[in-house]
C-alpha atoms as a PDB file:
ATOM      1  CA  MET A   1       7.612  34.863   4.826  1.00  0.00           C
ATOM      2  CA  ASN A   2       4.900  36.572   6.814  1.00  0.00           C
ATOM      3  CA  GLU A   3       1.309  36.999   5.673  1.00  0.00           C
ATOM      4  CA  GLU A   4       1.735  40.678   4.758  1.00  0.00           C
ATOM      5  CA  VAL A   5       4.623  39.954   2.390  1.00  0.00           C
ATOM      6  CA  ALA A   6       2.800  36.960   0.913  1.00  0.00           C
ATOM      7  CA  SER A   7      -0.299  39.095   0.440  1.00  0.00           C
ATOM      8  CA  ARG A   8       1.671  41.766  -1.436  1.00  0.00           C
ATOM      9  CA  GLU A   9       3.044  39.084  -3.760  1.00  0.00           C
ATOM     10  CA  GLY A  10      -0.455  37.810  -4.462  1.00  0.00           C
ATOM     11  CA  LEU A  11       0.261  34.440  -2.891  1.00  0.00           C
ATOM     12  CA  ALA A  12      -1.637  34.614   0.385  1.00  0.00           C
ATOM     13  CA  PRO A  13      -4.457  32.126   0.929  1.00  0.00           C
ATOM     14  CA  ARG A  14      -6.849  34.912   0.038  1.00  0.00           C
ATOM     15  CA  SER A  15      -5.377  34.622  -3.441  1.00  0.00           C
ATOM     16  CA  ARG A  16      -8.117  34.024  -5.964  1.00  0.00           C
ATOM     17  CA  THR A  17      -5.805  31.778  -7.981  1.00  0.00           C
ATOM     18  CA  GLN A  18      -5.138  29.493  -5.028  1.00  0.00           C
ATOM     19  CA  ARG A  19      -8.830  29.286  -4.154  1.00  0.00           C
ATOM     20  CA  LEU A  20      -9.699  28.418  -7.760  1.00  0.00           C
ATOM     21  CA  LEU A  21      -6.968  25.786  -7.911  1.00  0.00           C
ATOM     22  CA  LEU A  22      -8.132  24.171  -4.672  1.00  0.00           C
ATOM     23  CA  GLY A  23     -11.744  24.148  -5.890  1.00  0.00           C
ATOM     24  CA  THR A  24     -10.639  22.669  -9.195  1.00  0.00           C
ATOM     25  CA  LEU A  25      -8.633  20.026  -7.356  1.00  0.00           C
ATOM     26  CA  PHE A  26     -11.706  19.013  -5.359  1.00  0.00           C
ATOM     27  CA  CYS A  27     -13.920  18.846  -8.457  1.00  0.00           C
ATOM     28  CA  LEU A  28     -11.369  16.817 -10.417  1.00  0.00           C
ATOM     29  CA  SER A  29     -10.958  14.349  -7.572  1.00  0.00           C
ATOM     30  CA  VAL A  30     -14.715  13.836  -7.290  1.00  0.00           C
ATOM     31  CA  ALA A  31     -14.972  13.481 -11.076  1.00  0.00           C
ATOM     32  CA  ASP A  32     -12.228  10.844 -10.915  1.00  0.00           C
ATOM     33  CA  GLY A  33     -14.201   8.939  -8.292  1.00  0.00           C
ATOM     34  CA  ILE A  34     -17.441   9.094 -10.258  1.00  0.00           C
ATOM     35  CA  LEU A  35     -15.787   8.083 -13.533  1.00  0.00           C
ATOM     36  CA  THR A  36     -13.832   5.284 -11.863  1.00  0.00           C
ATOM     37  CA  ARG A  37     -17.023   3.972 -10.277  1.00  0.00           C
ATOM     38  CA  PHE A  38     -18.710   4.043 -13.696  1.00  0.00           C
ATOM     39  CA  ILE A  39     -15.791   2.224 -15.340  1.00  0.00           C
ATOM     40  CA  ILE A  40     -15.729  -0.494 -12.681  1.00  0.00           C
ATOM     41  CA  SER A  41     -19.532  -0.918 -12.641  1.00  0.00           C
ATOM     42  CA  ASN A  42     -19.641  -1.401 -16.412  1.00  0.00           C
ATOM     43  CA  GLY A  43     -16.655  -3.750 -16.551  1.00  0.00           C
ATOM     44  CA  LEU A  44     -14.594  -1.368 -18.673  1.00  0.00           C
ATOM     45  CA  GLY A  45     -11.542  -1.468 -16.422  1.00  0.00           C
ATOM     46  CA  HIS A  46     -10.248  -1.823 -12.887  1.00  0.00           C
ATOM     47  CA  GLU A  47      -8.879   0.434 -10.148  1.00  0.00           C
ATOM     48  CA  GLY A  48      -5.111   0.814 -10.379  1.00  0.00           C
ATOM     49  CA  ASN A  49      -4.697   2.143  -6.837  1.00  0.00           C
ATOM     50  CA  PHE A  50      -4.383  -0.954  -4.657  1.00  0.00           C
ATOM     51  CA  TRP A  51      -5.475   0.971  -1.542  1.00  0.00           C
ATOM     52  CA  LEU A  52      -8.791   1.818  -3.178  1.00  0.00           C
ATOM     53  CA  SER A  53      -9.282  -1.339  -5.263  1.00  0.00           C
ATOM     54  CA  ASP A  54     -11.574  -2.977  -2.675  1.00  0.00           C
ATOM     55  CA  LEU A  55     -13.749   0.160  -2.518  1.00  0.00           C
ATOM     56  CA  ALA A  56     -13.863   0.723  -6.275  1.00  0.00           C
ATOM     57  CA  SER A  57     -16.951  -1.407  -6.742  1.00  0.00           C
ATOM     58  CA  SER A  58     -18.946   0.451  -4.064  1.00  0.00           C
ATOM     59  CA  ASP A  59     -20.313   3.945  -3.658  1.00  0.00           C
ATOM     60  CA  ALA A  60     -17.951   4.391  -0.692  1.00  0.00           C
ATOM     61  CA  LEU A  61     -15.202   5.200  -3.212  1.00  0.00           C
ATOM     62  CA  ILE A  62     -16.696   8.608  -3.967  1.00  0.00           C
ATOM     63  CA  GLY A  63     -17.100   9.408  -0.268  1.00  0.00           C
ATOM     64  CA  ILE A  64     -13.520   8.383   0.513  1.00  0.00           C
ATOM     65  CA  LYS A  65     -12.242  10.462  -2.417  1.00  0.00           C
ATOM     66  CA  MET A  66     -14.225  13.482  -1.212  1.00  0.00           C
ATOM     67  CA  LEU A  67     -13.041  13.097   2.381  1.00  0.00           C
ATOM     68  CA  GLY A  68      -9.411  12.546   1.409  1.00  0.00           C
ATOM     69  CA  THR A  69      -9.390  15.461  -1.000  1.00  0.00           C
ATOM     70  CA  ALA A  70     -11.075  17.758   1.526  1.00  0.00           C
ATOM     71  CA  LEU A  71      -8.365  16.871   4.056  1.00  0.00           C
ATOM     72  CA  ALA A  72      -5.607  17.500   1.498  1.00  0.00           C
ATOM     73  CA  ILE A  73      -7.155  20.838   0.534  1.00  0.00           C
ATOM     74  CA  TYR A  74      -7.412  21.863   4.187  1.00  0.00           C
ATOM     75  CA  LEU A  75      -3.732  21.045   4.724  1.00  0.00           C
ATOM     76  CA  LEU A  76      -2.700  22.893   1.575  1.00  0.00           C
ATOM     77  CA  TRP A  77      -4.767  25.900   2.642  1.00  0.00           C
ATOM     78  CA  ARG A  78      -3.138  25.961   6.100  1.00  0.00           C
ATOM     79  CA  LEU A  79       0.371  25.467   4.735  1.00  0.00           C
ATOM     80  CA  HIS A  80      -0.152  28.244   2.228  1.00  0.00           C
ATOM     81  CA  TYR A  81       0.367  30.785   5.010  1.00  0.00           C
ATOM     82  CA  VAL A  82       3.827  29.380   5.694  1.00  0.00           C
ATOM     83  CA  ARG A  83       5.142  28.400   2.239  1.00  0.00           C
ATOM     84  CA  PRO A  84       2.923  30.026  -0.410  1.00  0.00           C
ATOM     85  CA  LYS A  85       5.115  29.359  -3.451  1.00  0.00           C
ATOM     86  CA  LEU A  86       5.726  25.723  -2.557  1.00  0.00           C
ATOM     87  CA  VAL A  87       2.045  25.103  -1.871  1.00  0.00           C
ATOM     88  CA  MET A  88       1.045  26.846  -5.104  1.00  0.00           C
ATOM     89  CA  ALA A  89       3.450  24.643  -7.076  1.00  0.00           C
ATOM     90  CA  THR A  90       2.189  21.527  -5.286  1.00  0.00           C
ATOM     91  CA  THR A  91      -1.429  22.452  -5.951  1.00  0.00           C
ATOM     92  CA  VAL A  92      -0.712  23.075  -9.640  1.00  0.00           C
ATOM     93  CA  ALA A  93       1.012  19.670  -9.838  1.00  0.00           C
ATOM     94  CA  PHE A  94      -1.982  17.914  -8.222  1.00  0.00           C
ATOM     95  CA  VAL A  95      -4.437  19.700 -10.519  1.00  0.00           C
ATOM     96  CA  GLY A  96      -2.317  18.686 -13.520  1.00  0.00           C
ATOM     97  CA  TRP A  97      -2.170  15.076 -12.344  1.00  0.00           C
ATOM     98  CA  TYR A  98      -5.916  14.807 -11.701  1.00  0.00           C
ATOM     99  CA  THR A  99      -6.628  16.451 -15.057  1.00  0.00           C
ATOM    100  CA  LEU A 100      -4.641  13.684 -16.741  1.00  0.00           C
ATOM    101  CA  VAL A 101      -6.411  11.018 -14.664  1.00  0.00           C
ATOM    102  CA  VAL A 102      -9.866  12.367 -15.542  1.00  0.00           C
ATOM    103  CA  PHE A 103      -8.974  12.545 -19.247  1.00  0.00           C
ATOM    104  CA  TRP A 104      -7.617   8.985 -19.043  1.00  0.00           C
ATOM    105  CA  ASN A 105     -10.895   7.816 -17.483  1.00  0.00           C
ATOM    106  CA  ILE A 106     -12.873   9.536 -20.228  1.00  0.00           C
ATOM    107  CA  ILE A 107     -10.721   7.849 -22.894  1.00  0.00           C
ATOM    108  CA  VAL A 108     -11.278   4.459 -21.227  1.00  0.00           C
ATOM    109  CA  ILE A 109     -15.042   5.056 -21.265  1.00  0.00           C
ATOM    110  CA  VAL A 110     -15.087   6.162 -24.906  1.00  0.00           C
ATOM    111  CA  ILE A 111     -12.916   3.285 -26.118  1.00  0.00           C
ATOM    112  CA  GLY A 112     -14.616   0.721 -23.873  1.00  0.00           C
ATOM    113  CA  SER A 113     -18.115   1.645 -24.995  1.00  0.00           C
ATOM    114  CA  LYS A 114     -17.404   1.054 -28.706  1.00  0.00           C
END
């Protein structure tokens, strides 16, 4: 699908929806990092991702999350020109997943602080 056709369907990277989803994805990922750091620092839980478990007790976790998410967003943005519907579905799935993770972290903080 070329850019002109994608643009007519409202799915080109200039799509406001895609830009909002990618921004939301970045914010949710950073929120996950901040909340996870808070949970670990206060002894309310532990990091479930074994790749990040060593970093969870340091401020480097937030930086790694920001860098990794920025890279993922860049790739999604670039791929959106080629496969707009697939990338839109993938972005929605990631936003949904990170929304659940952030809510889970909030629940852990609320329950753990009682």
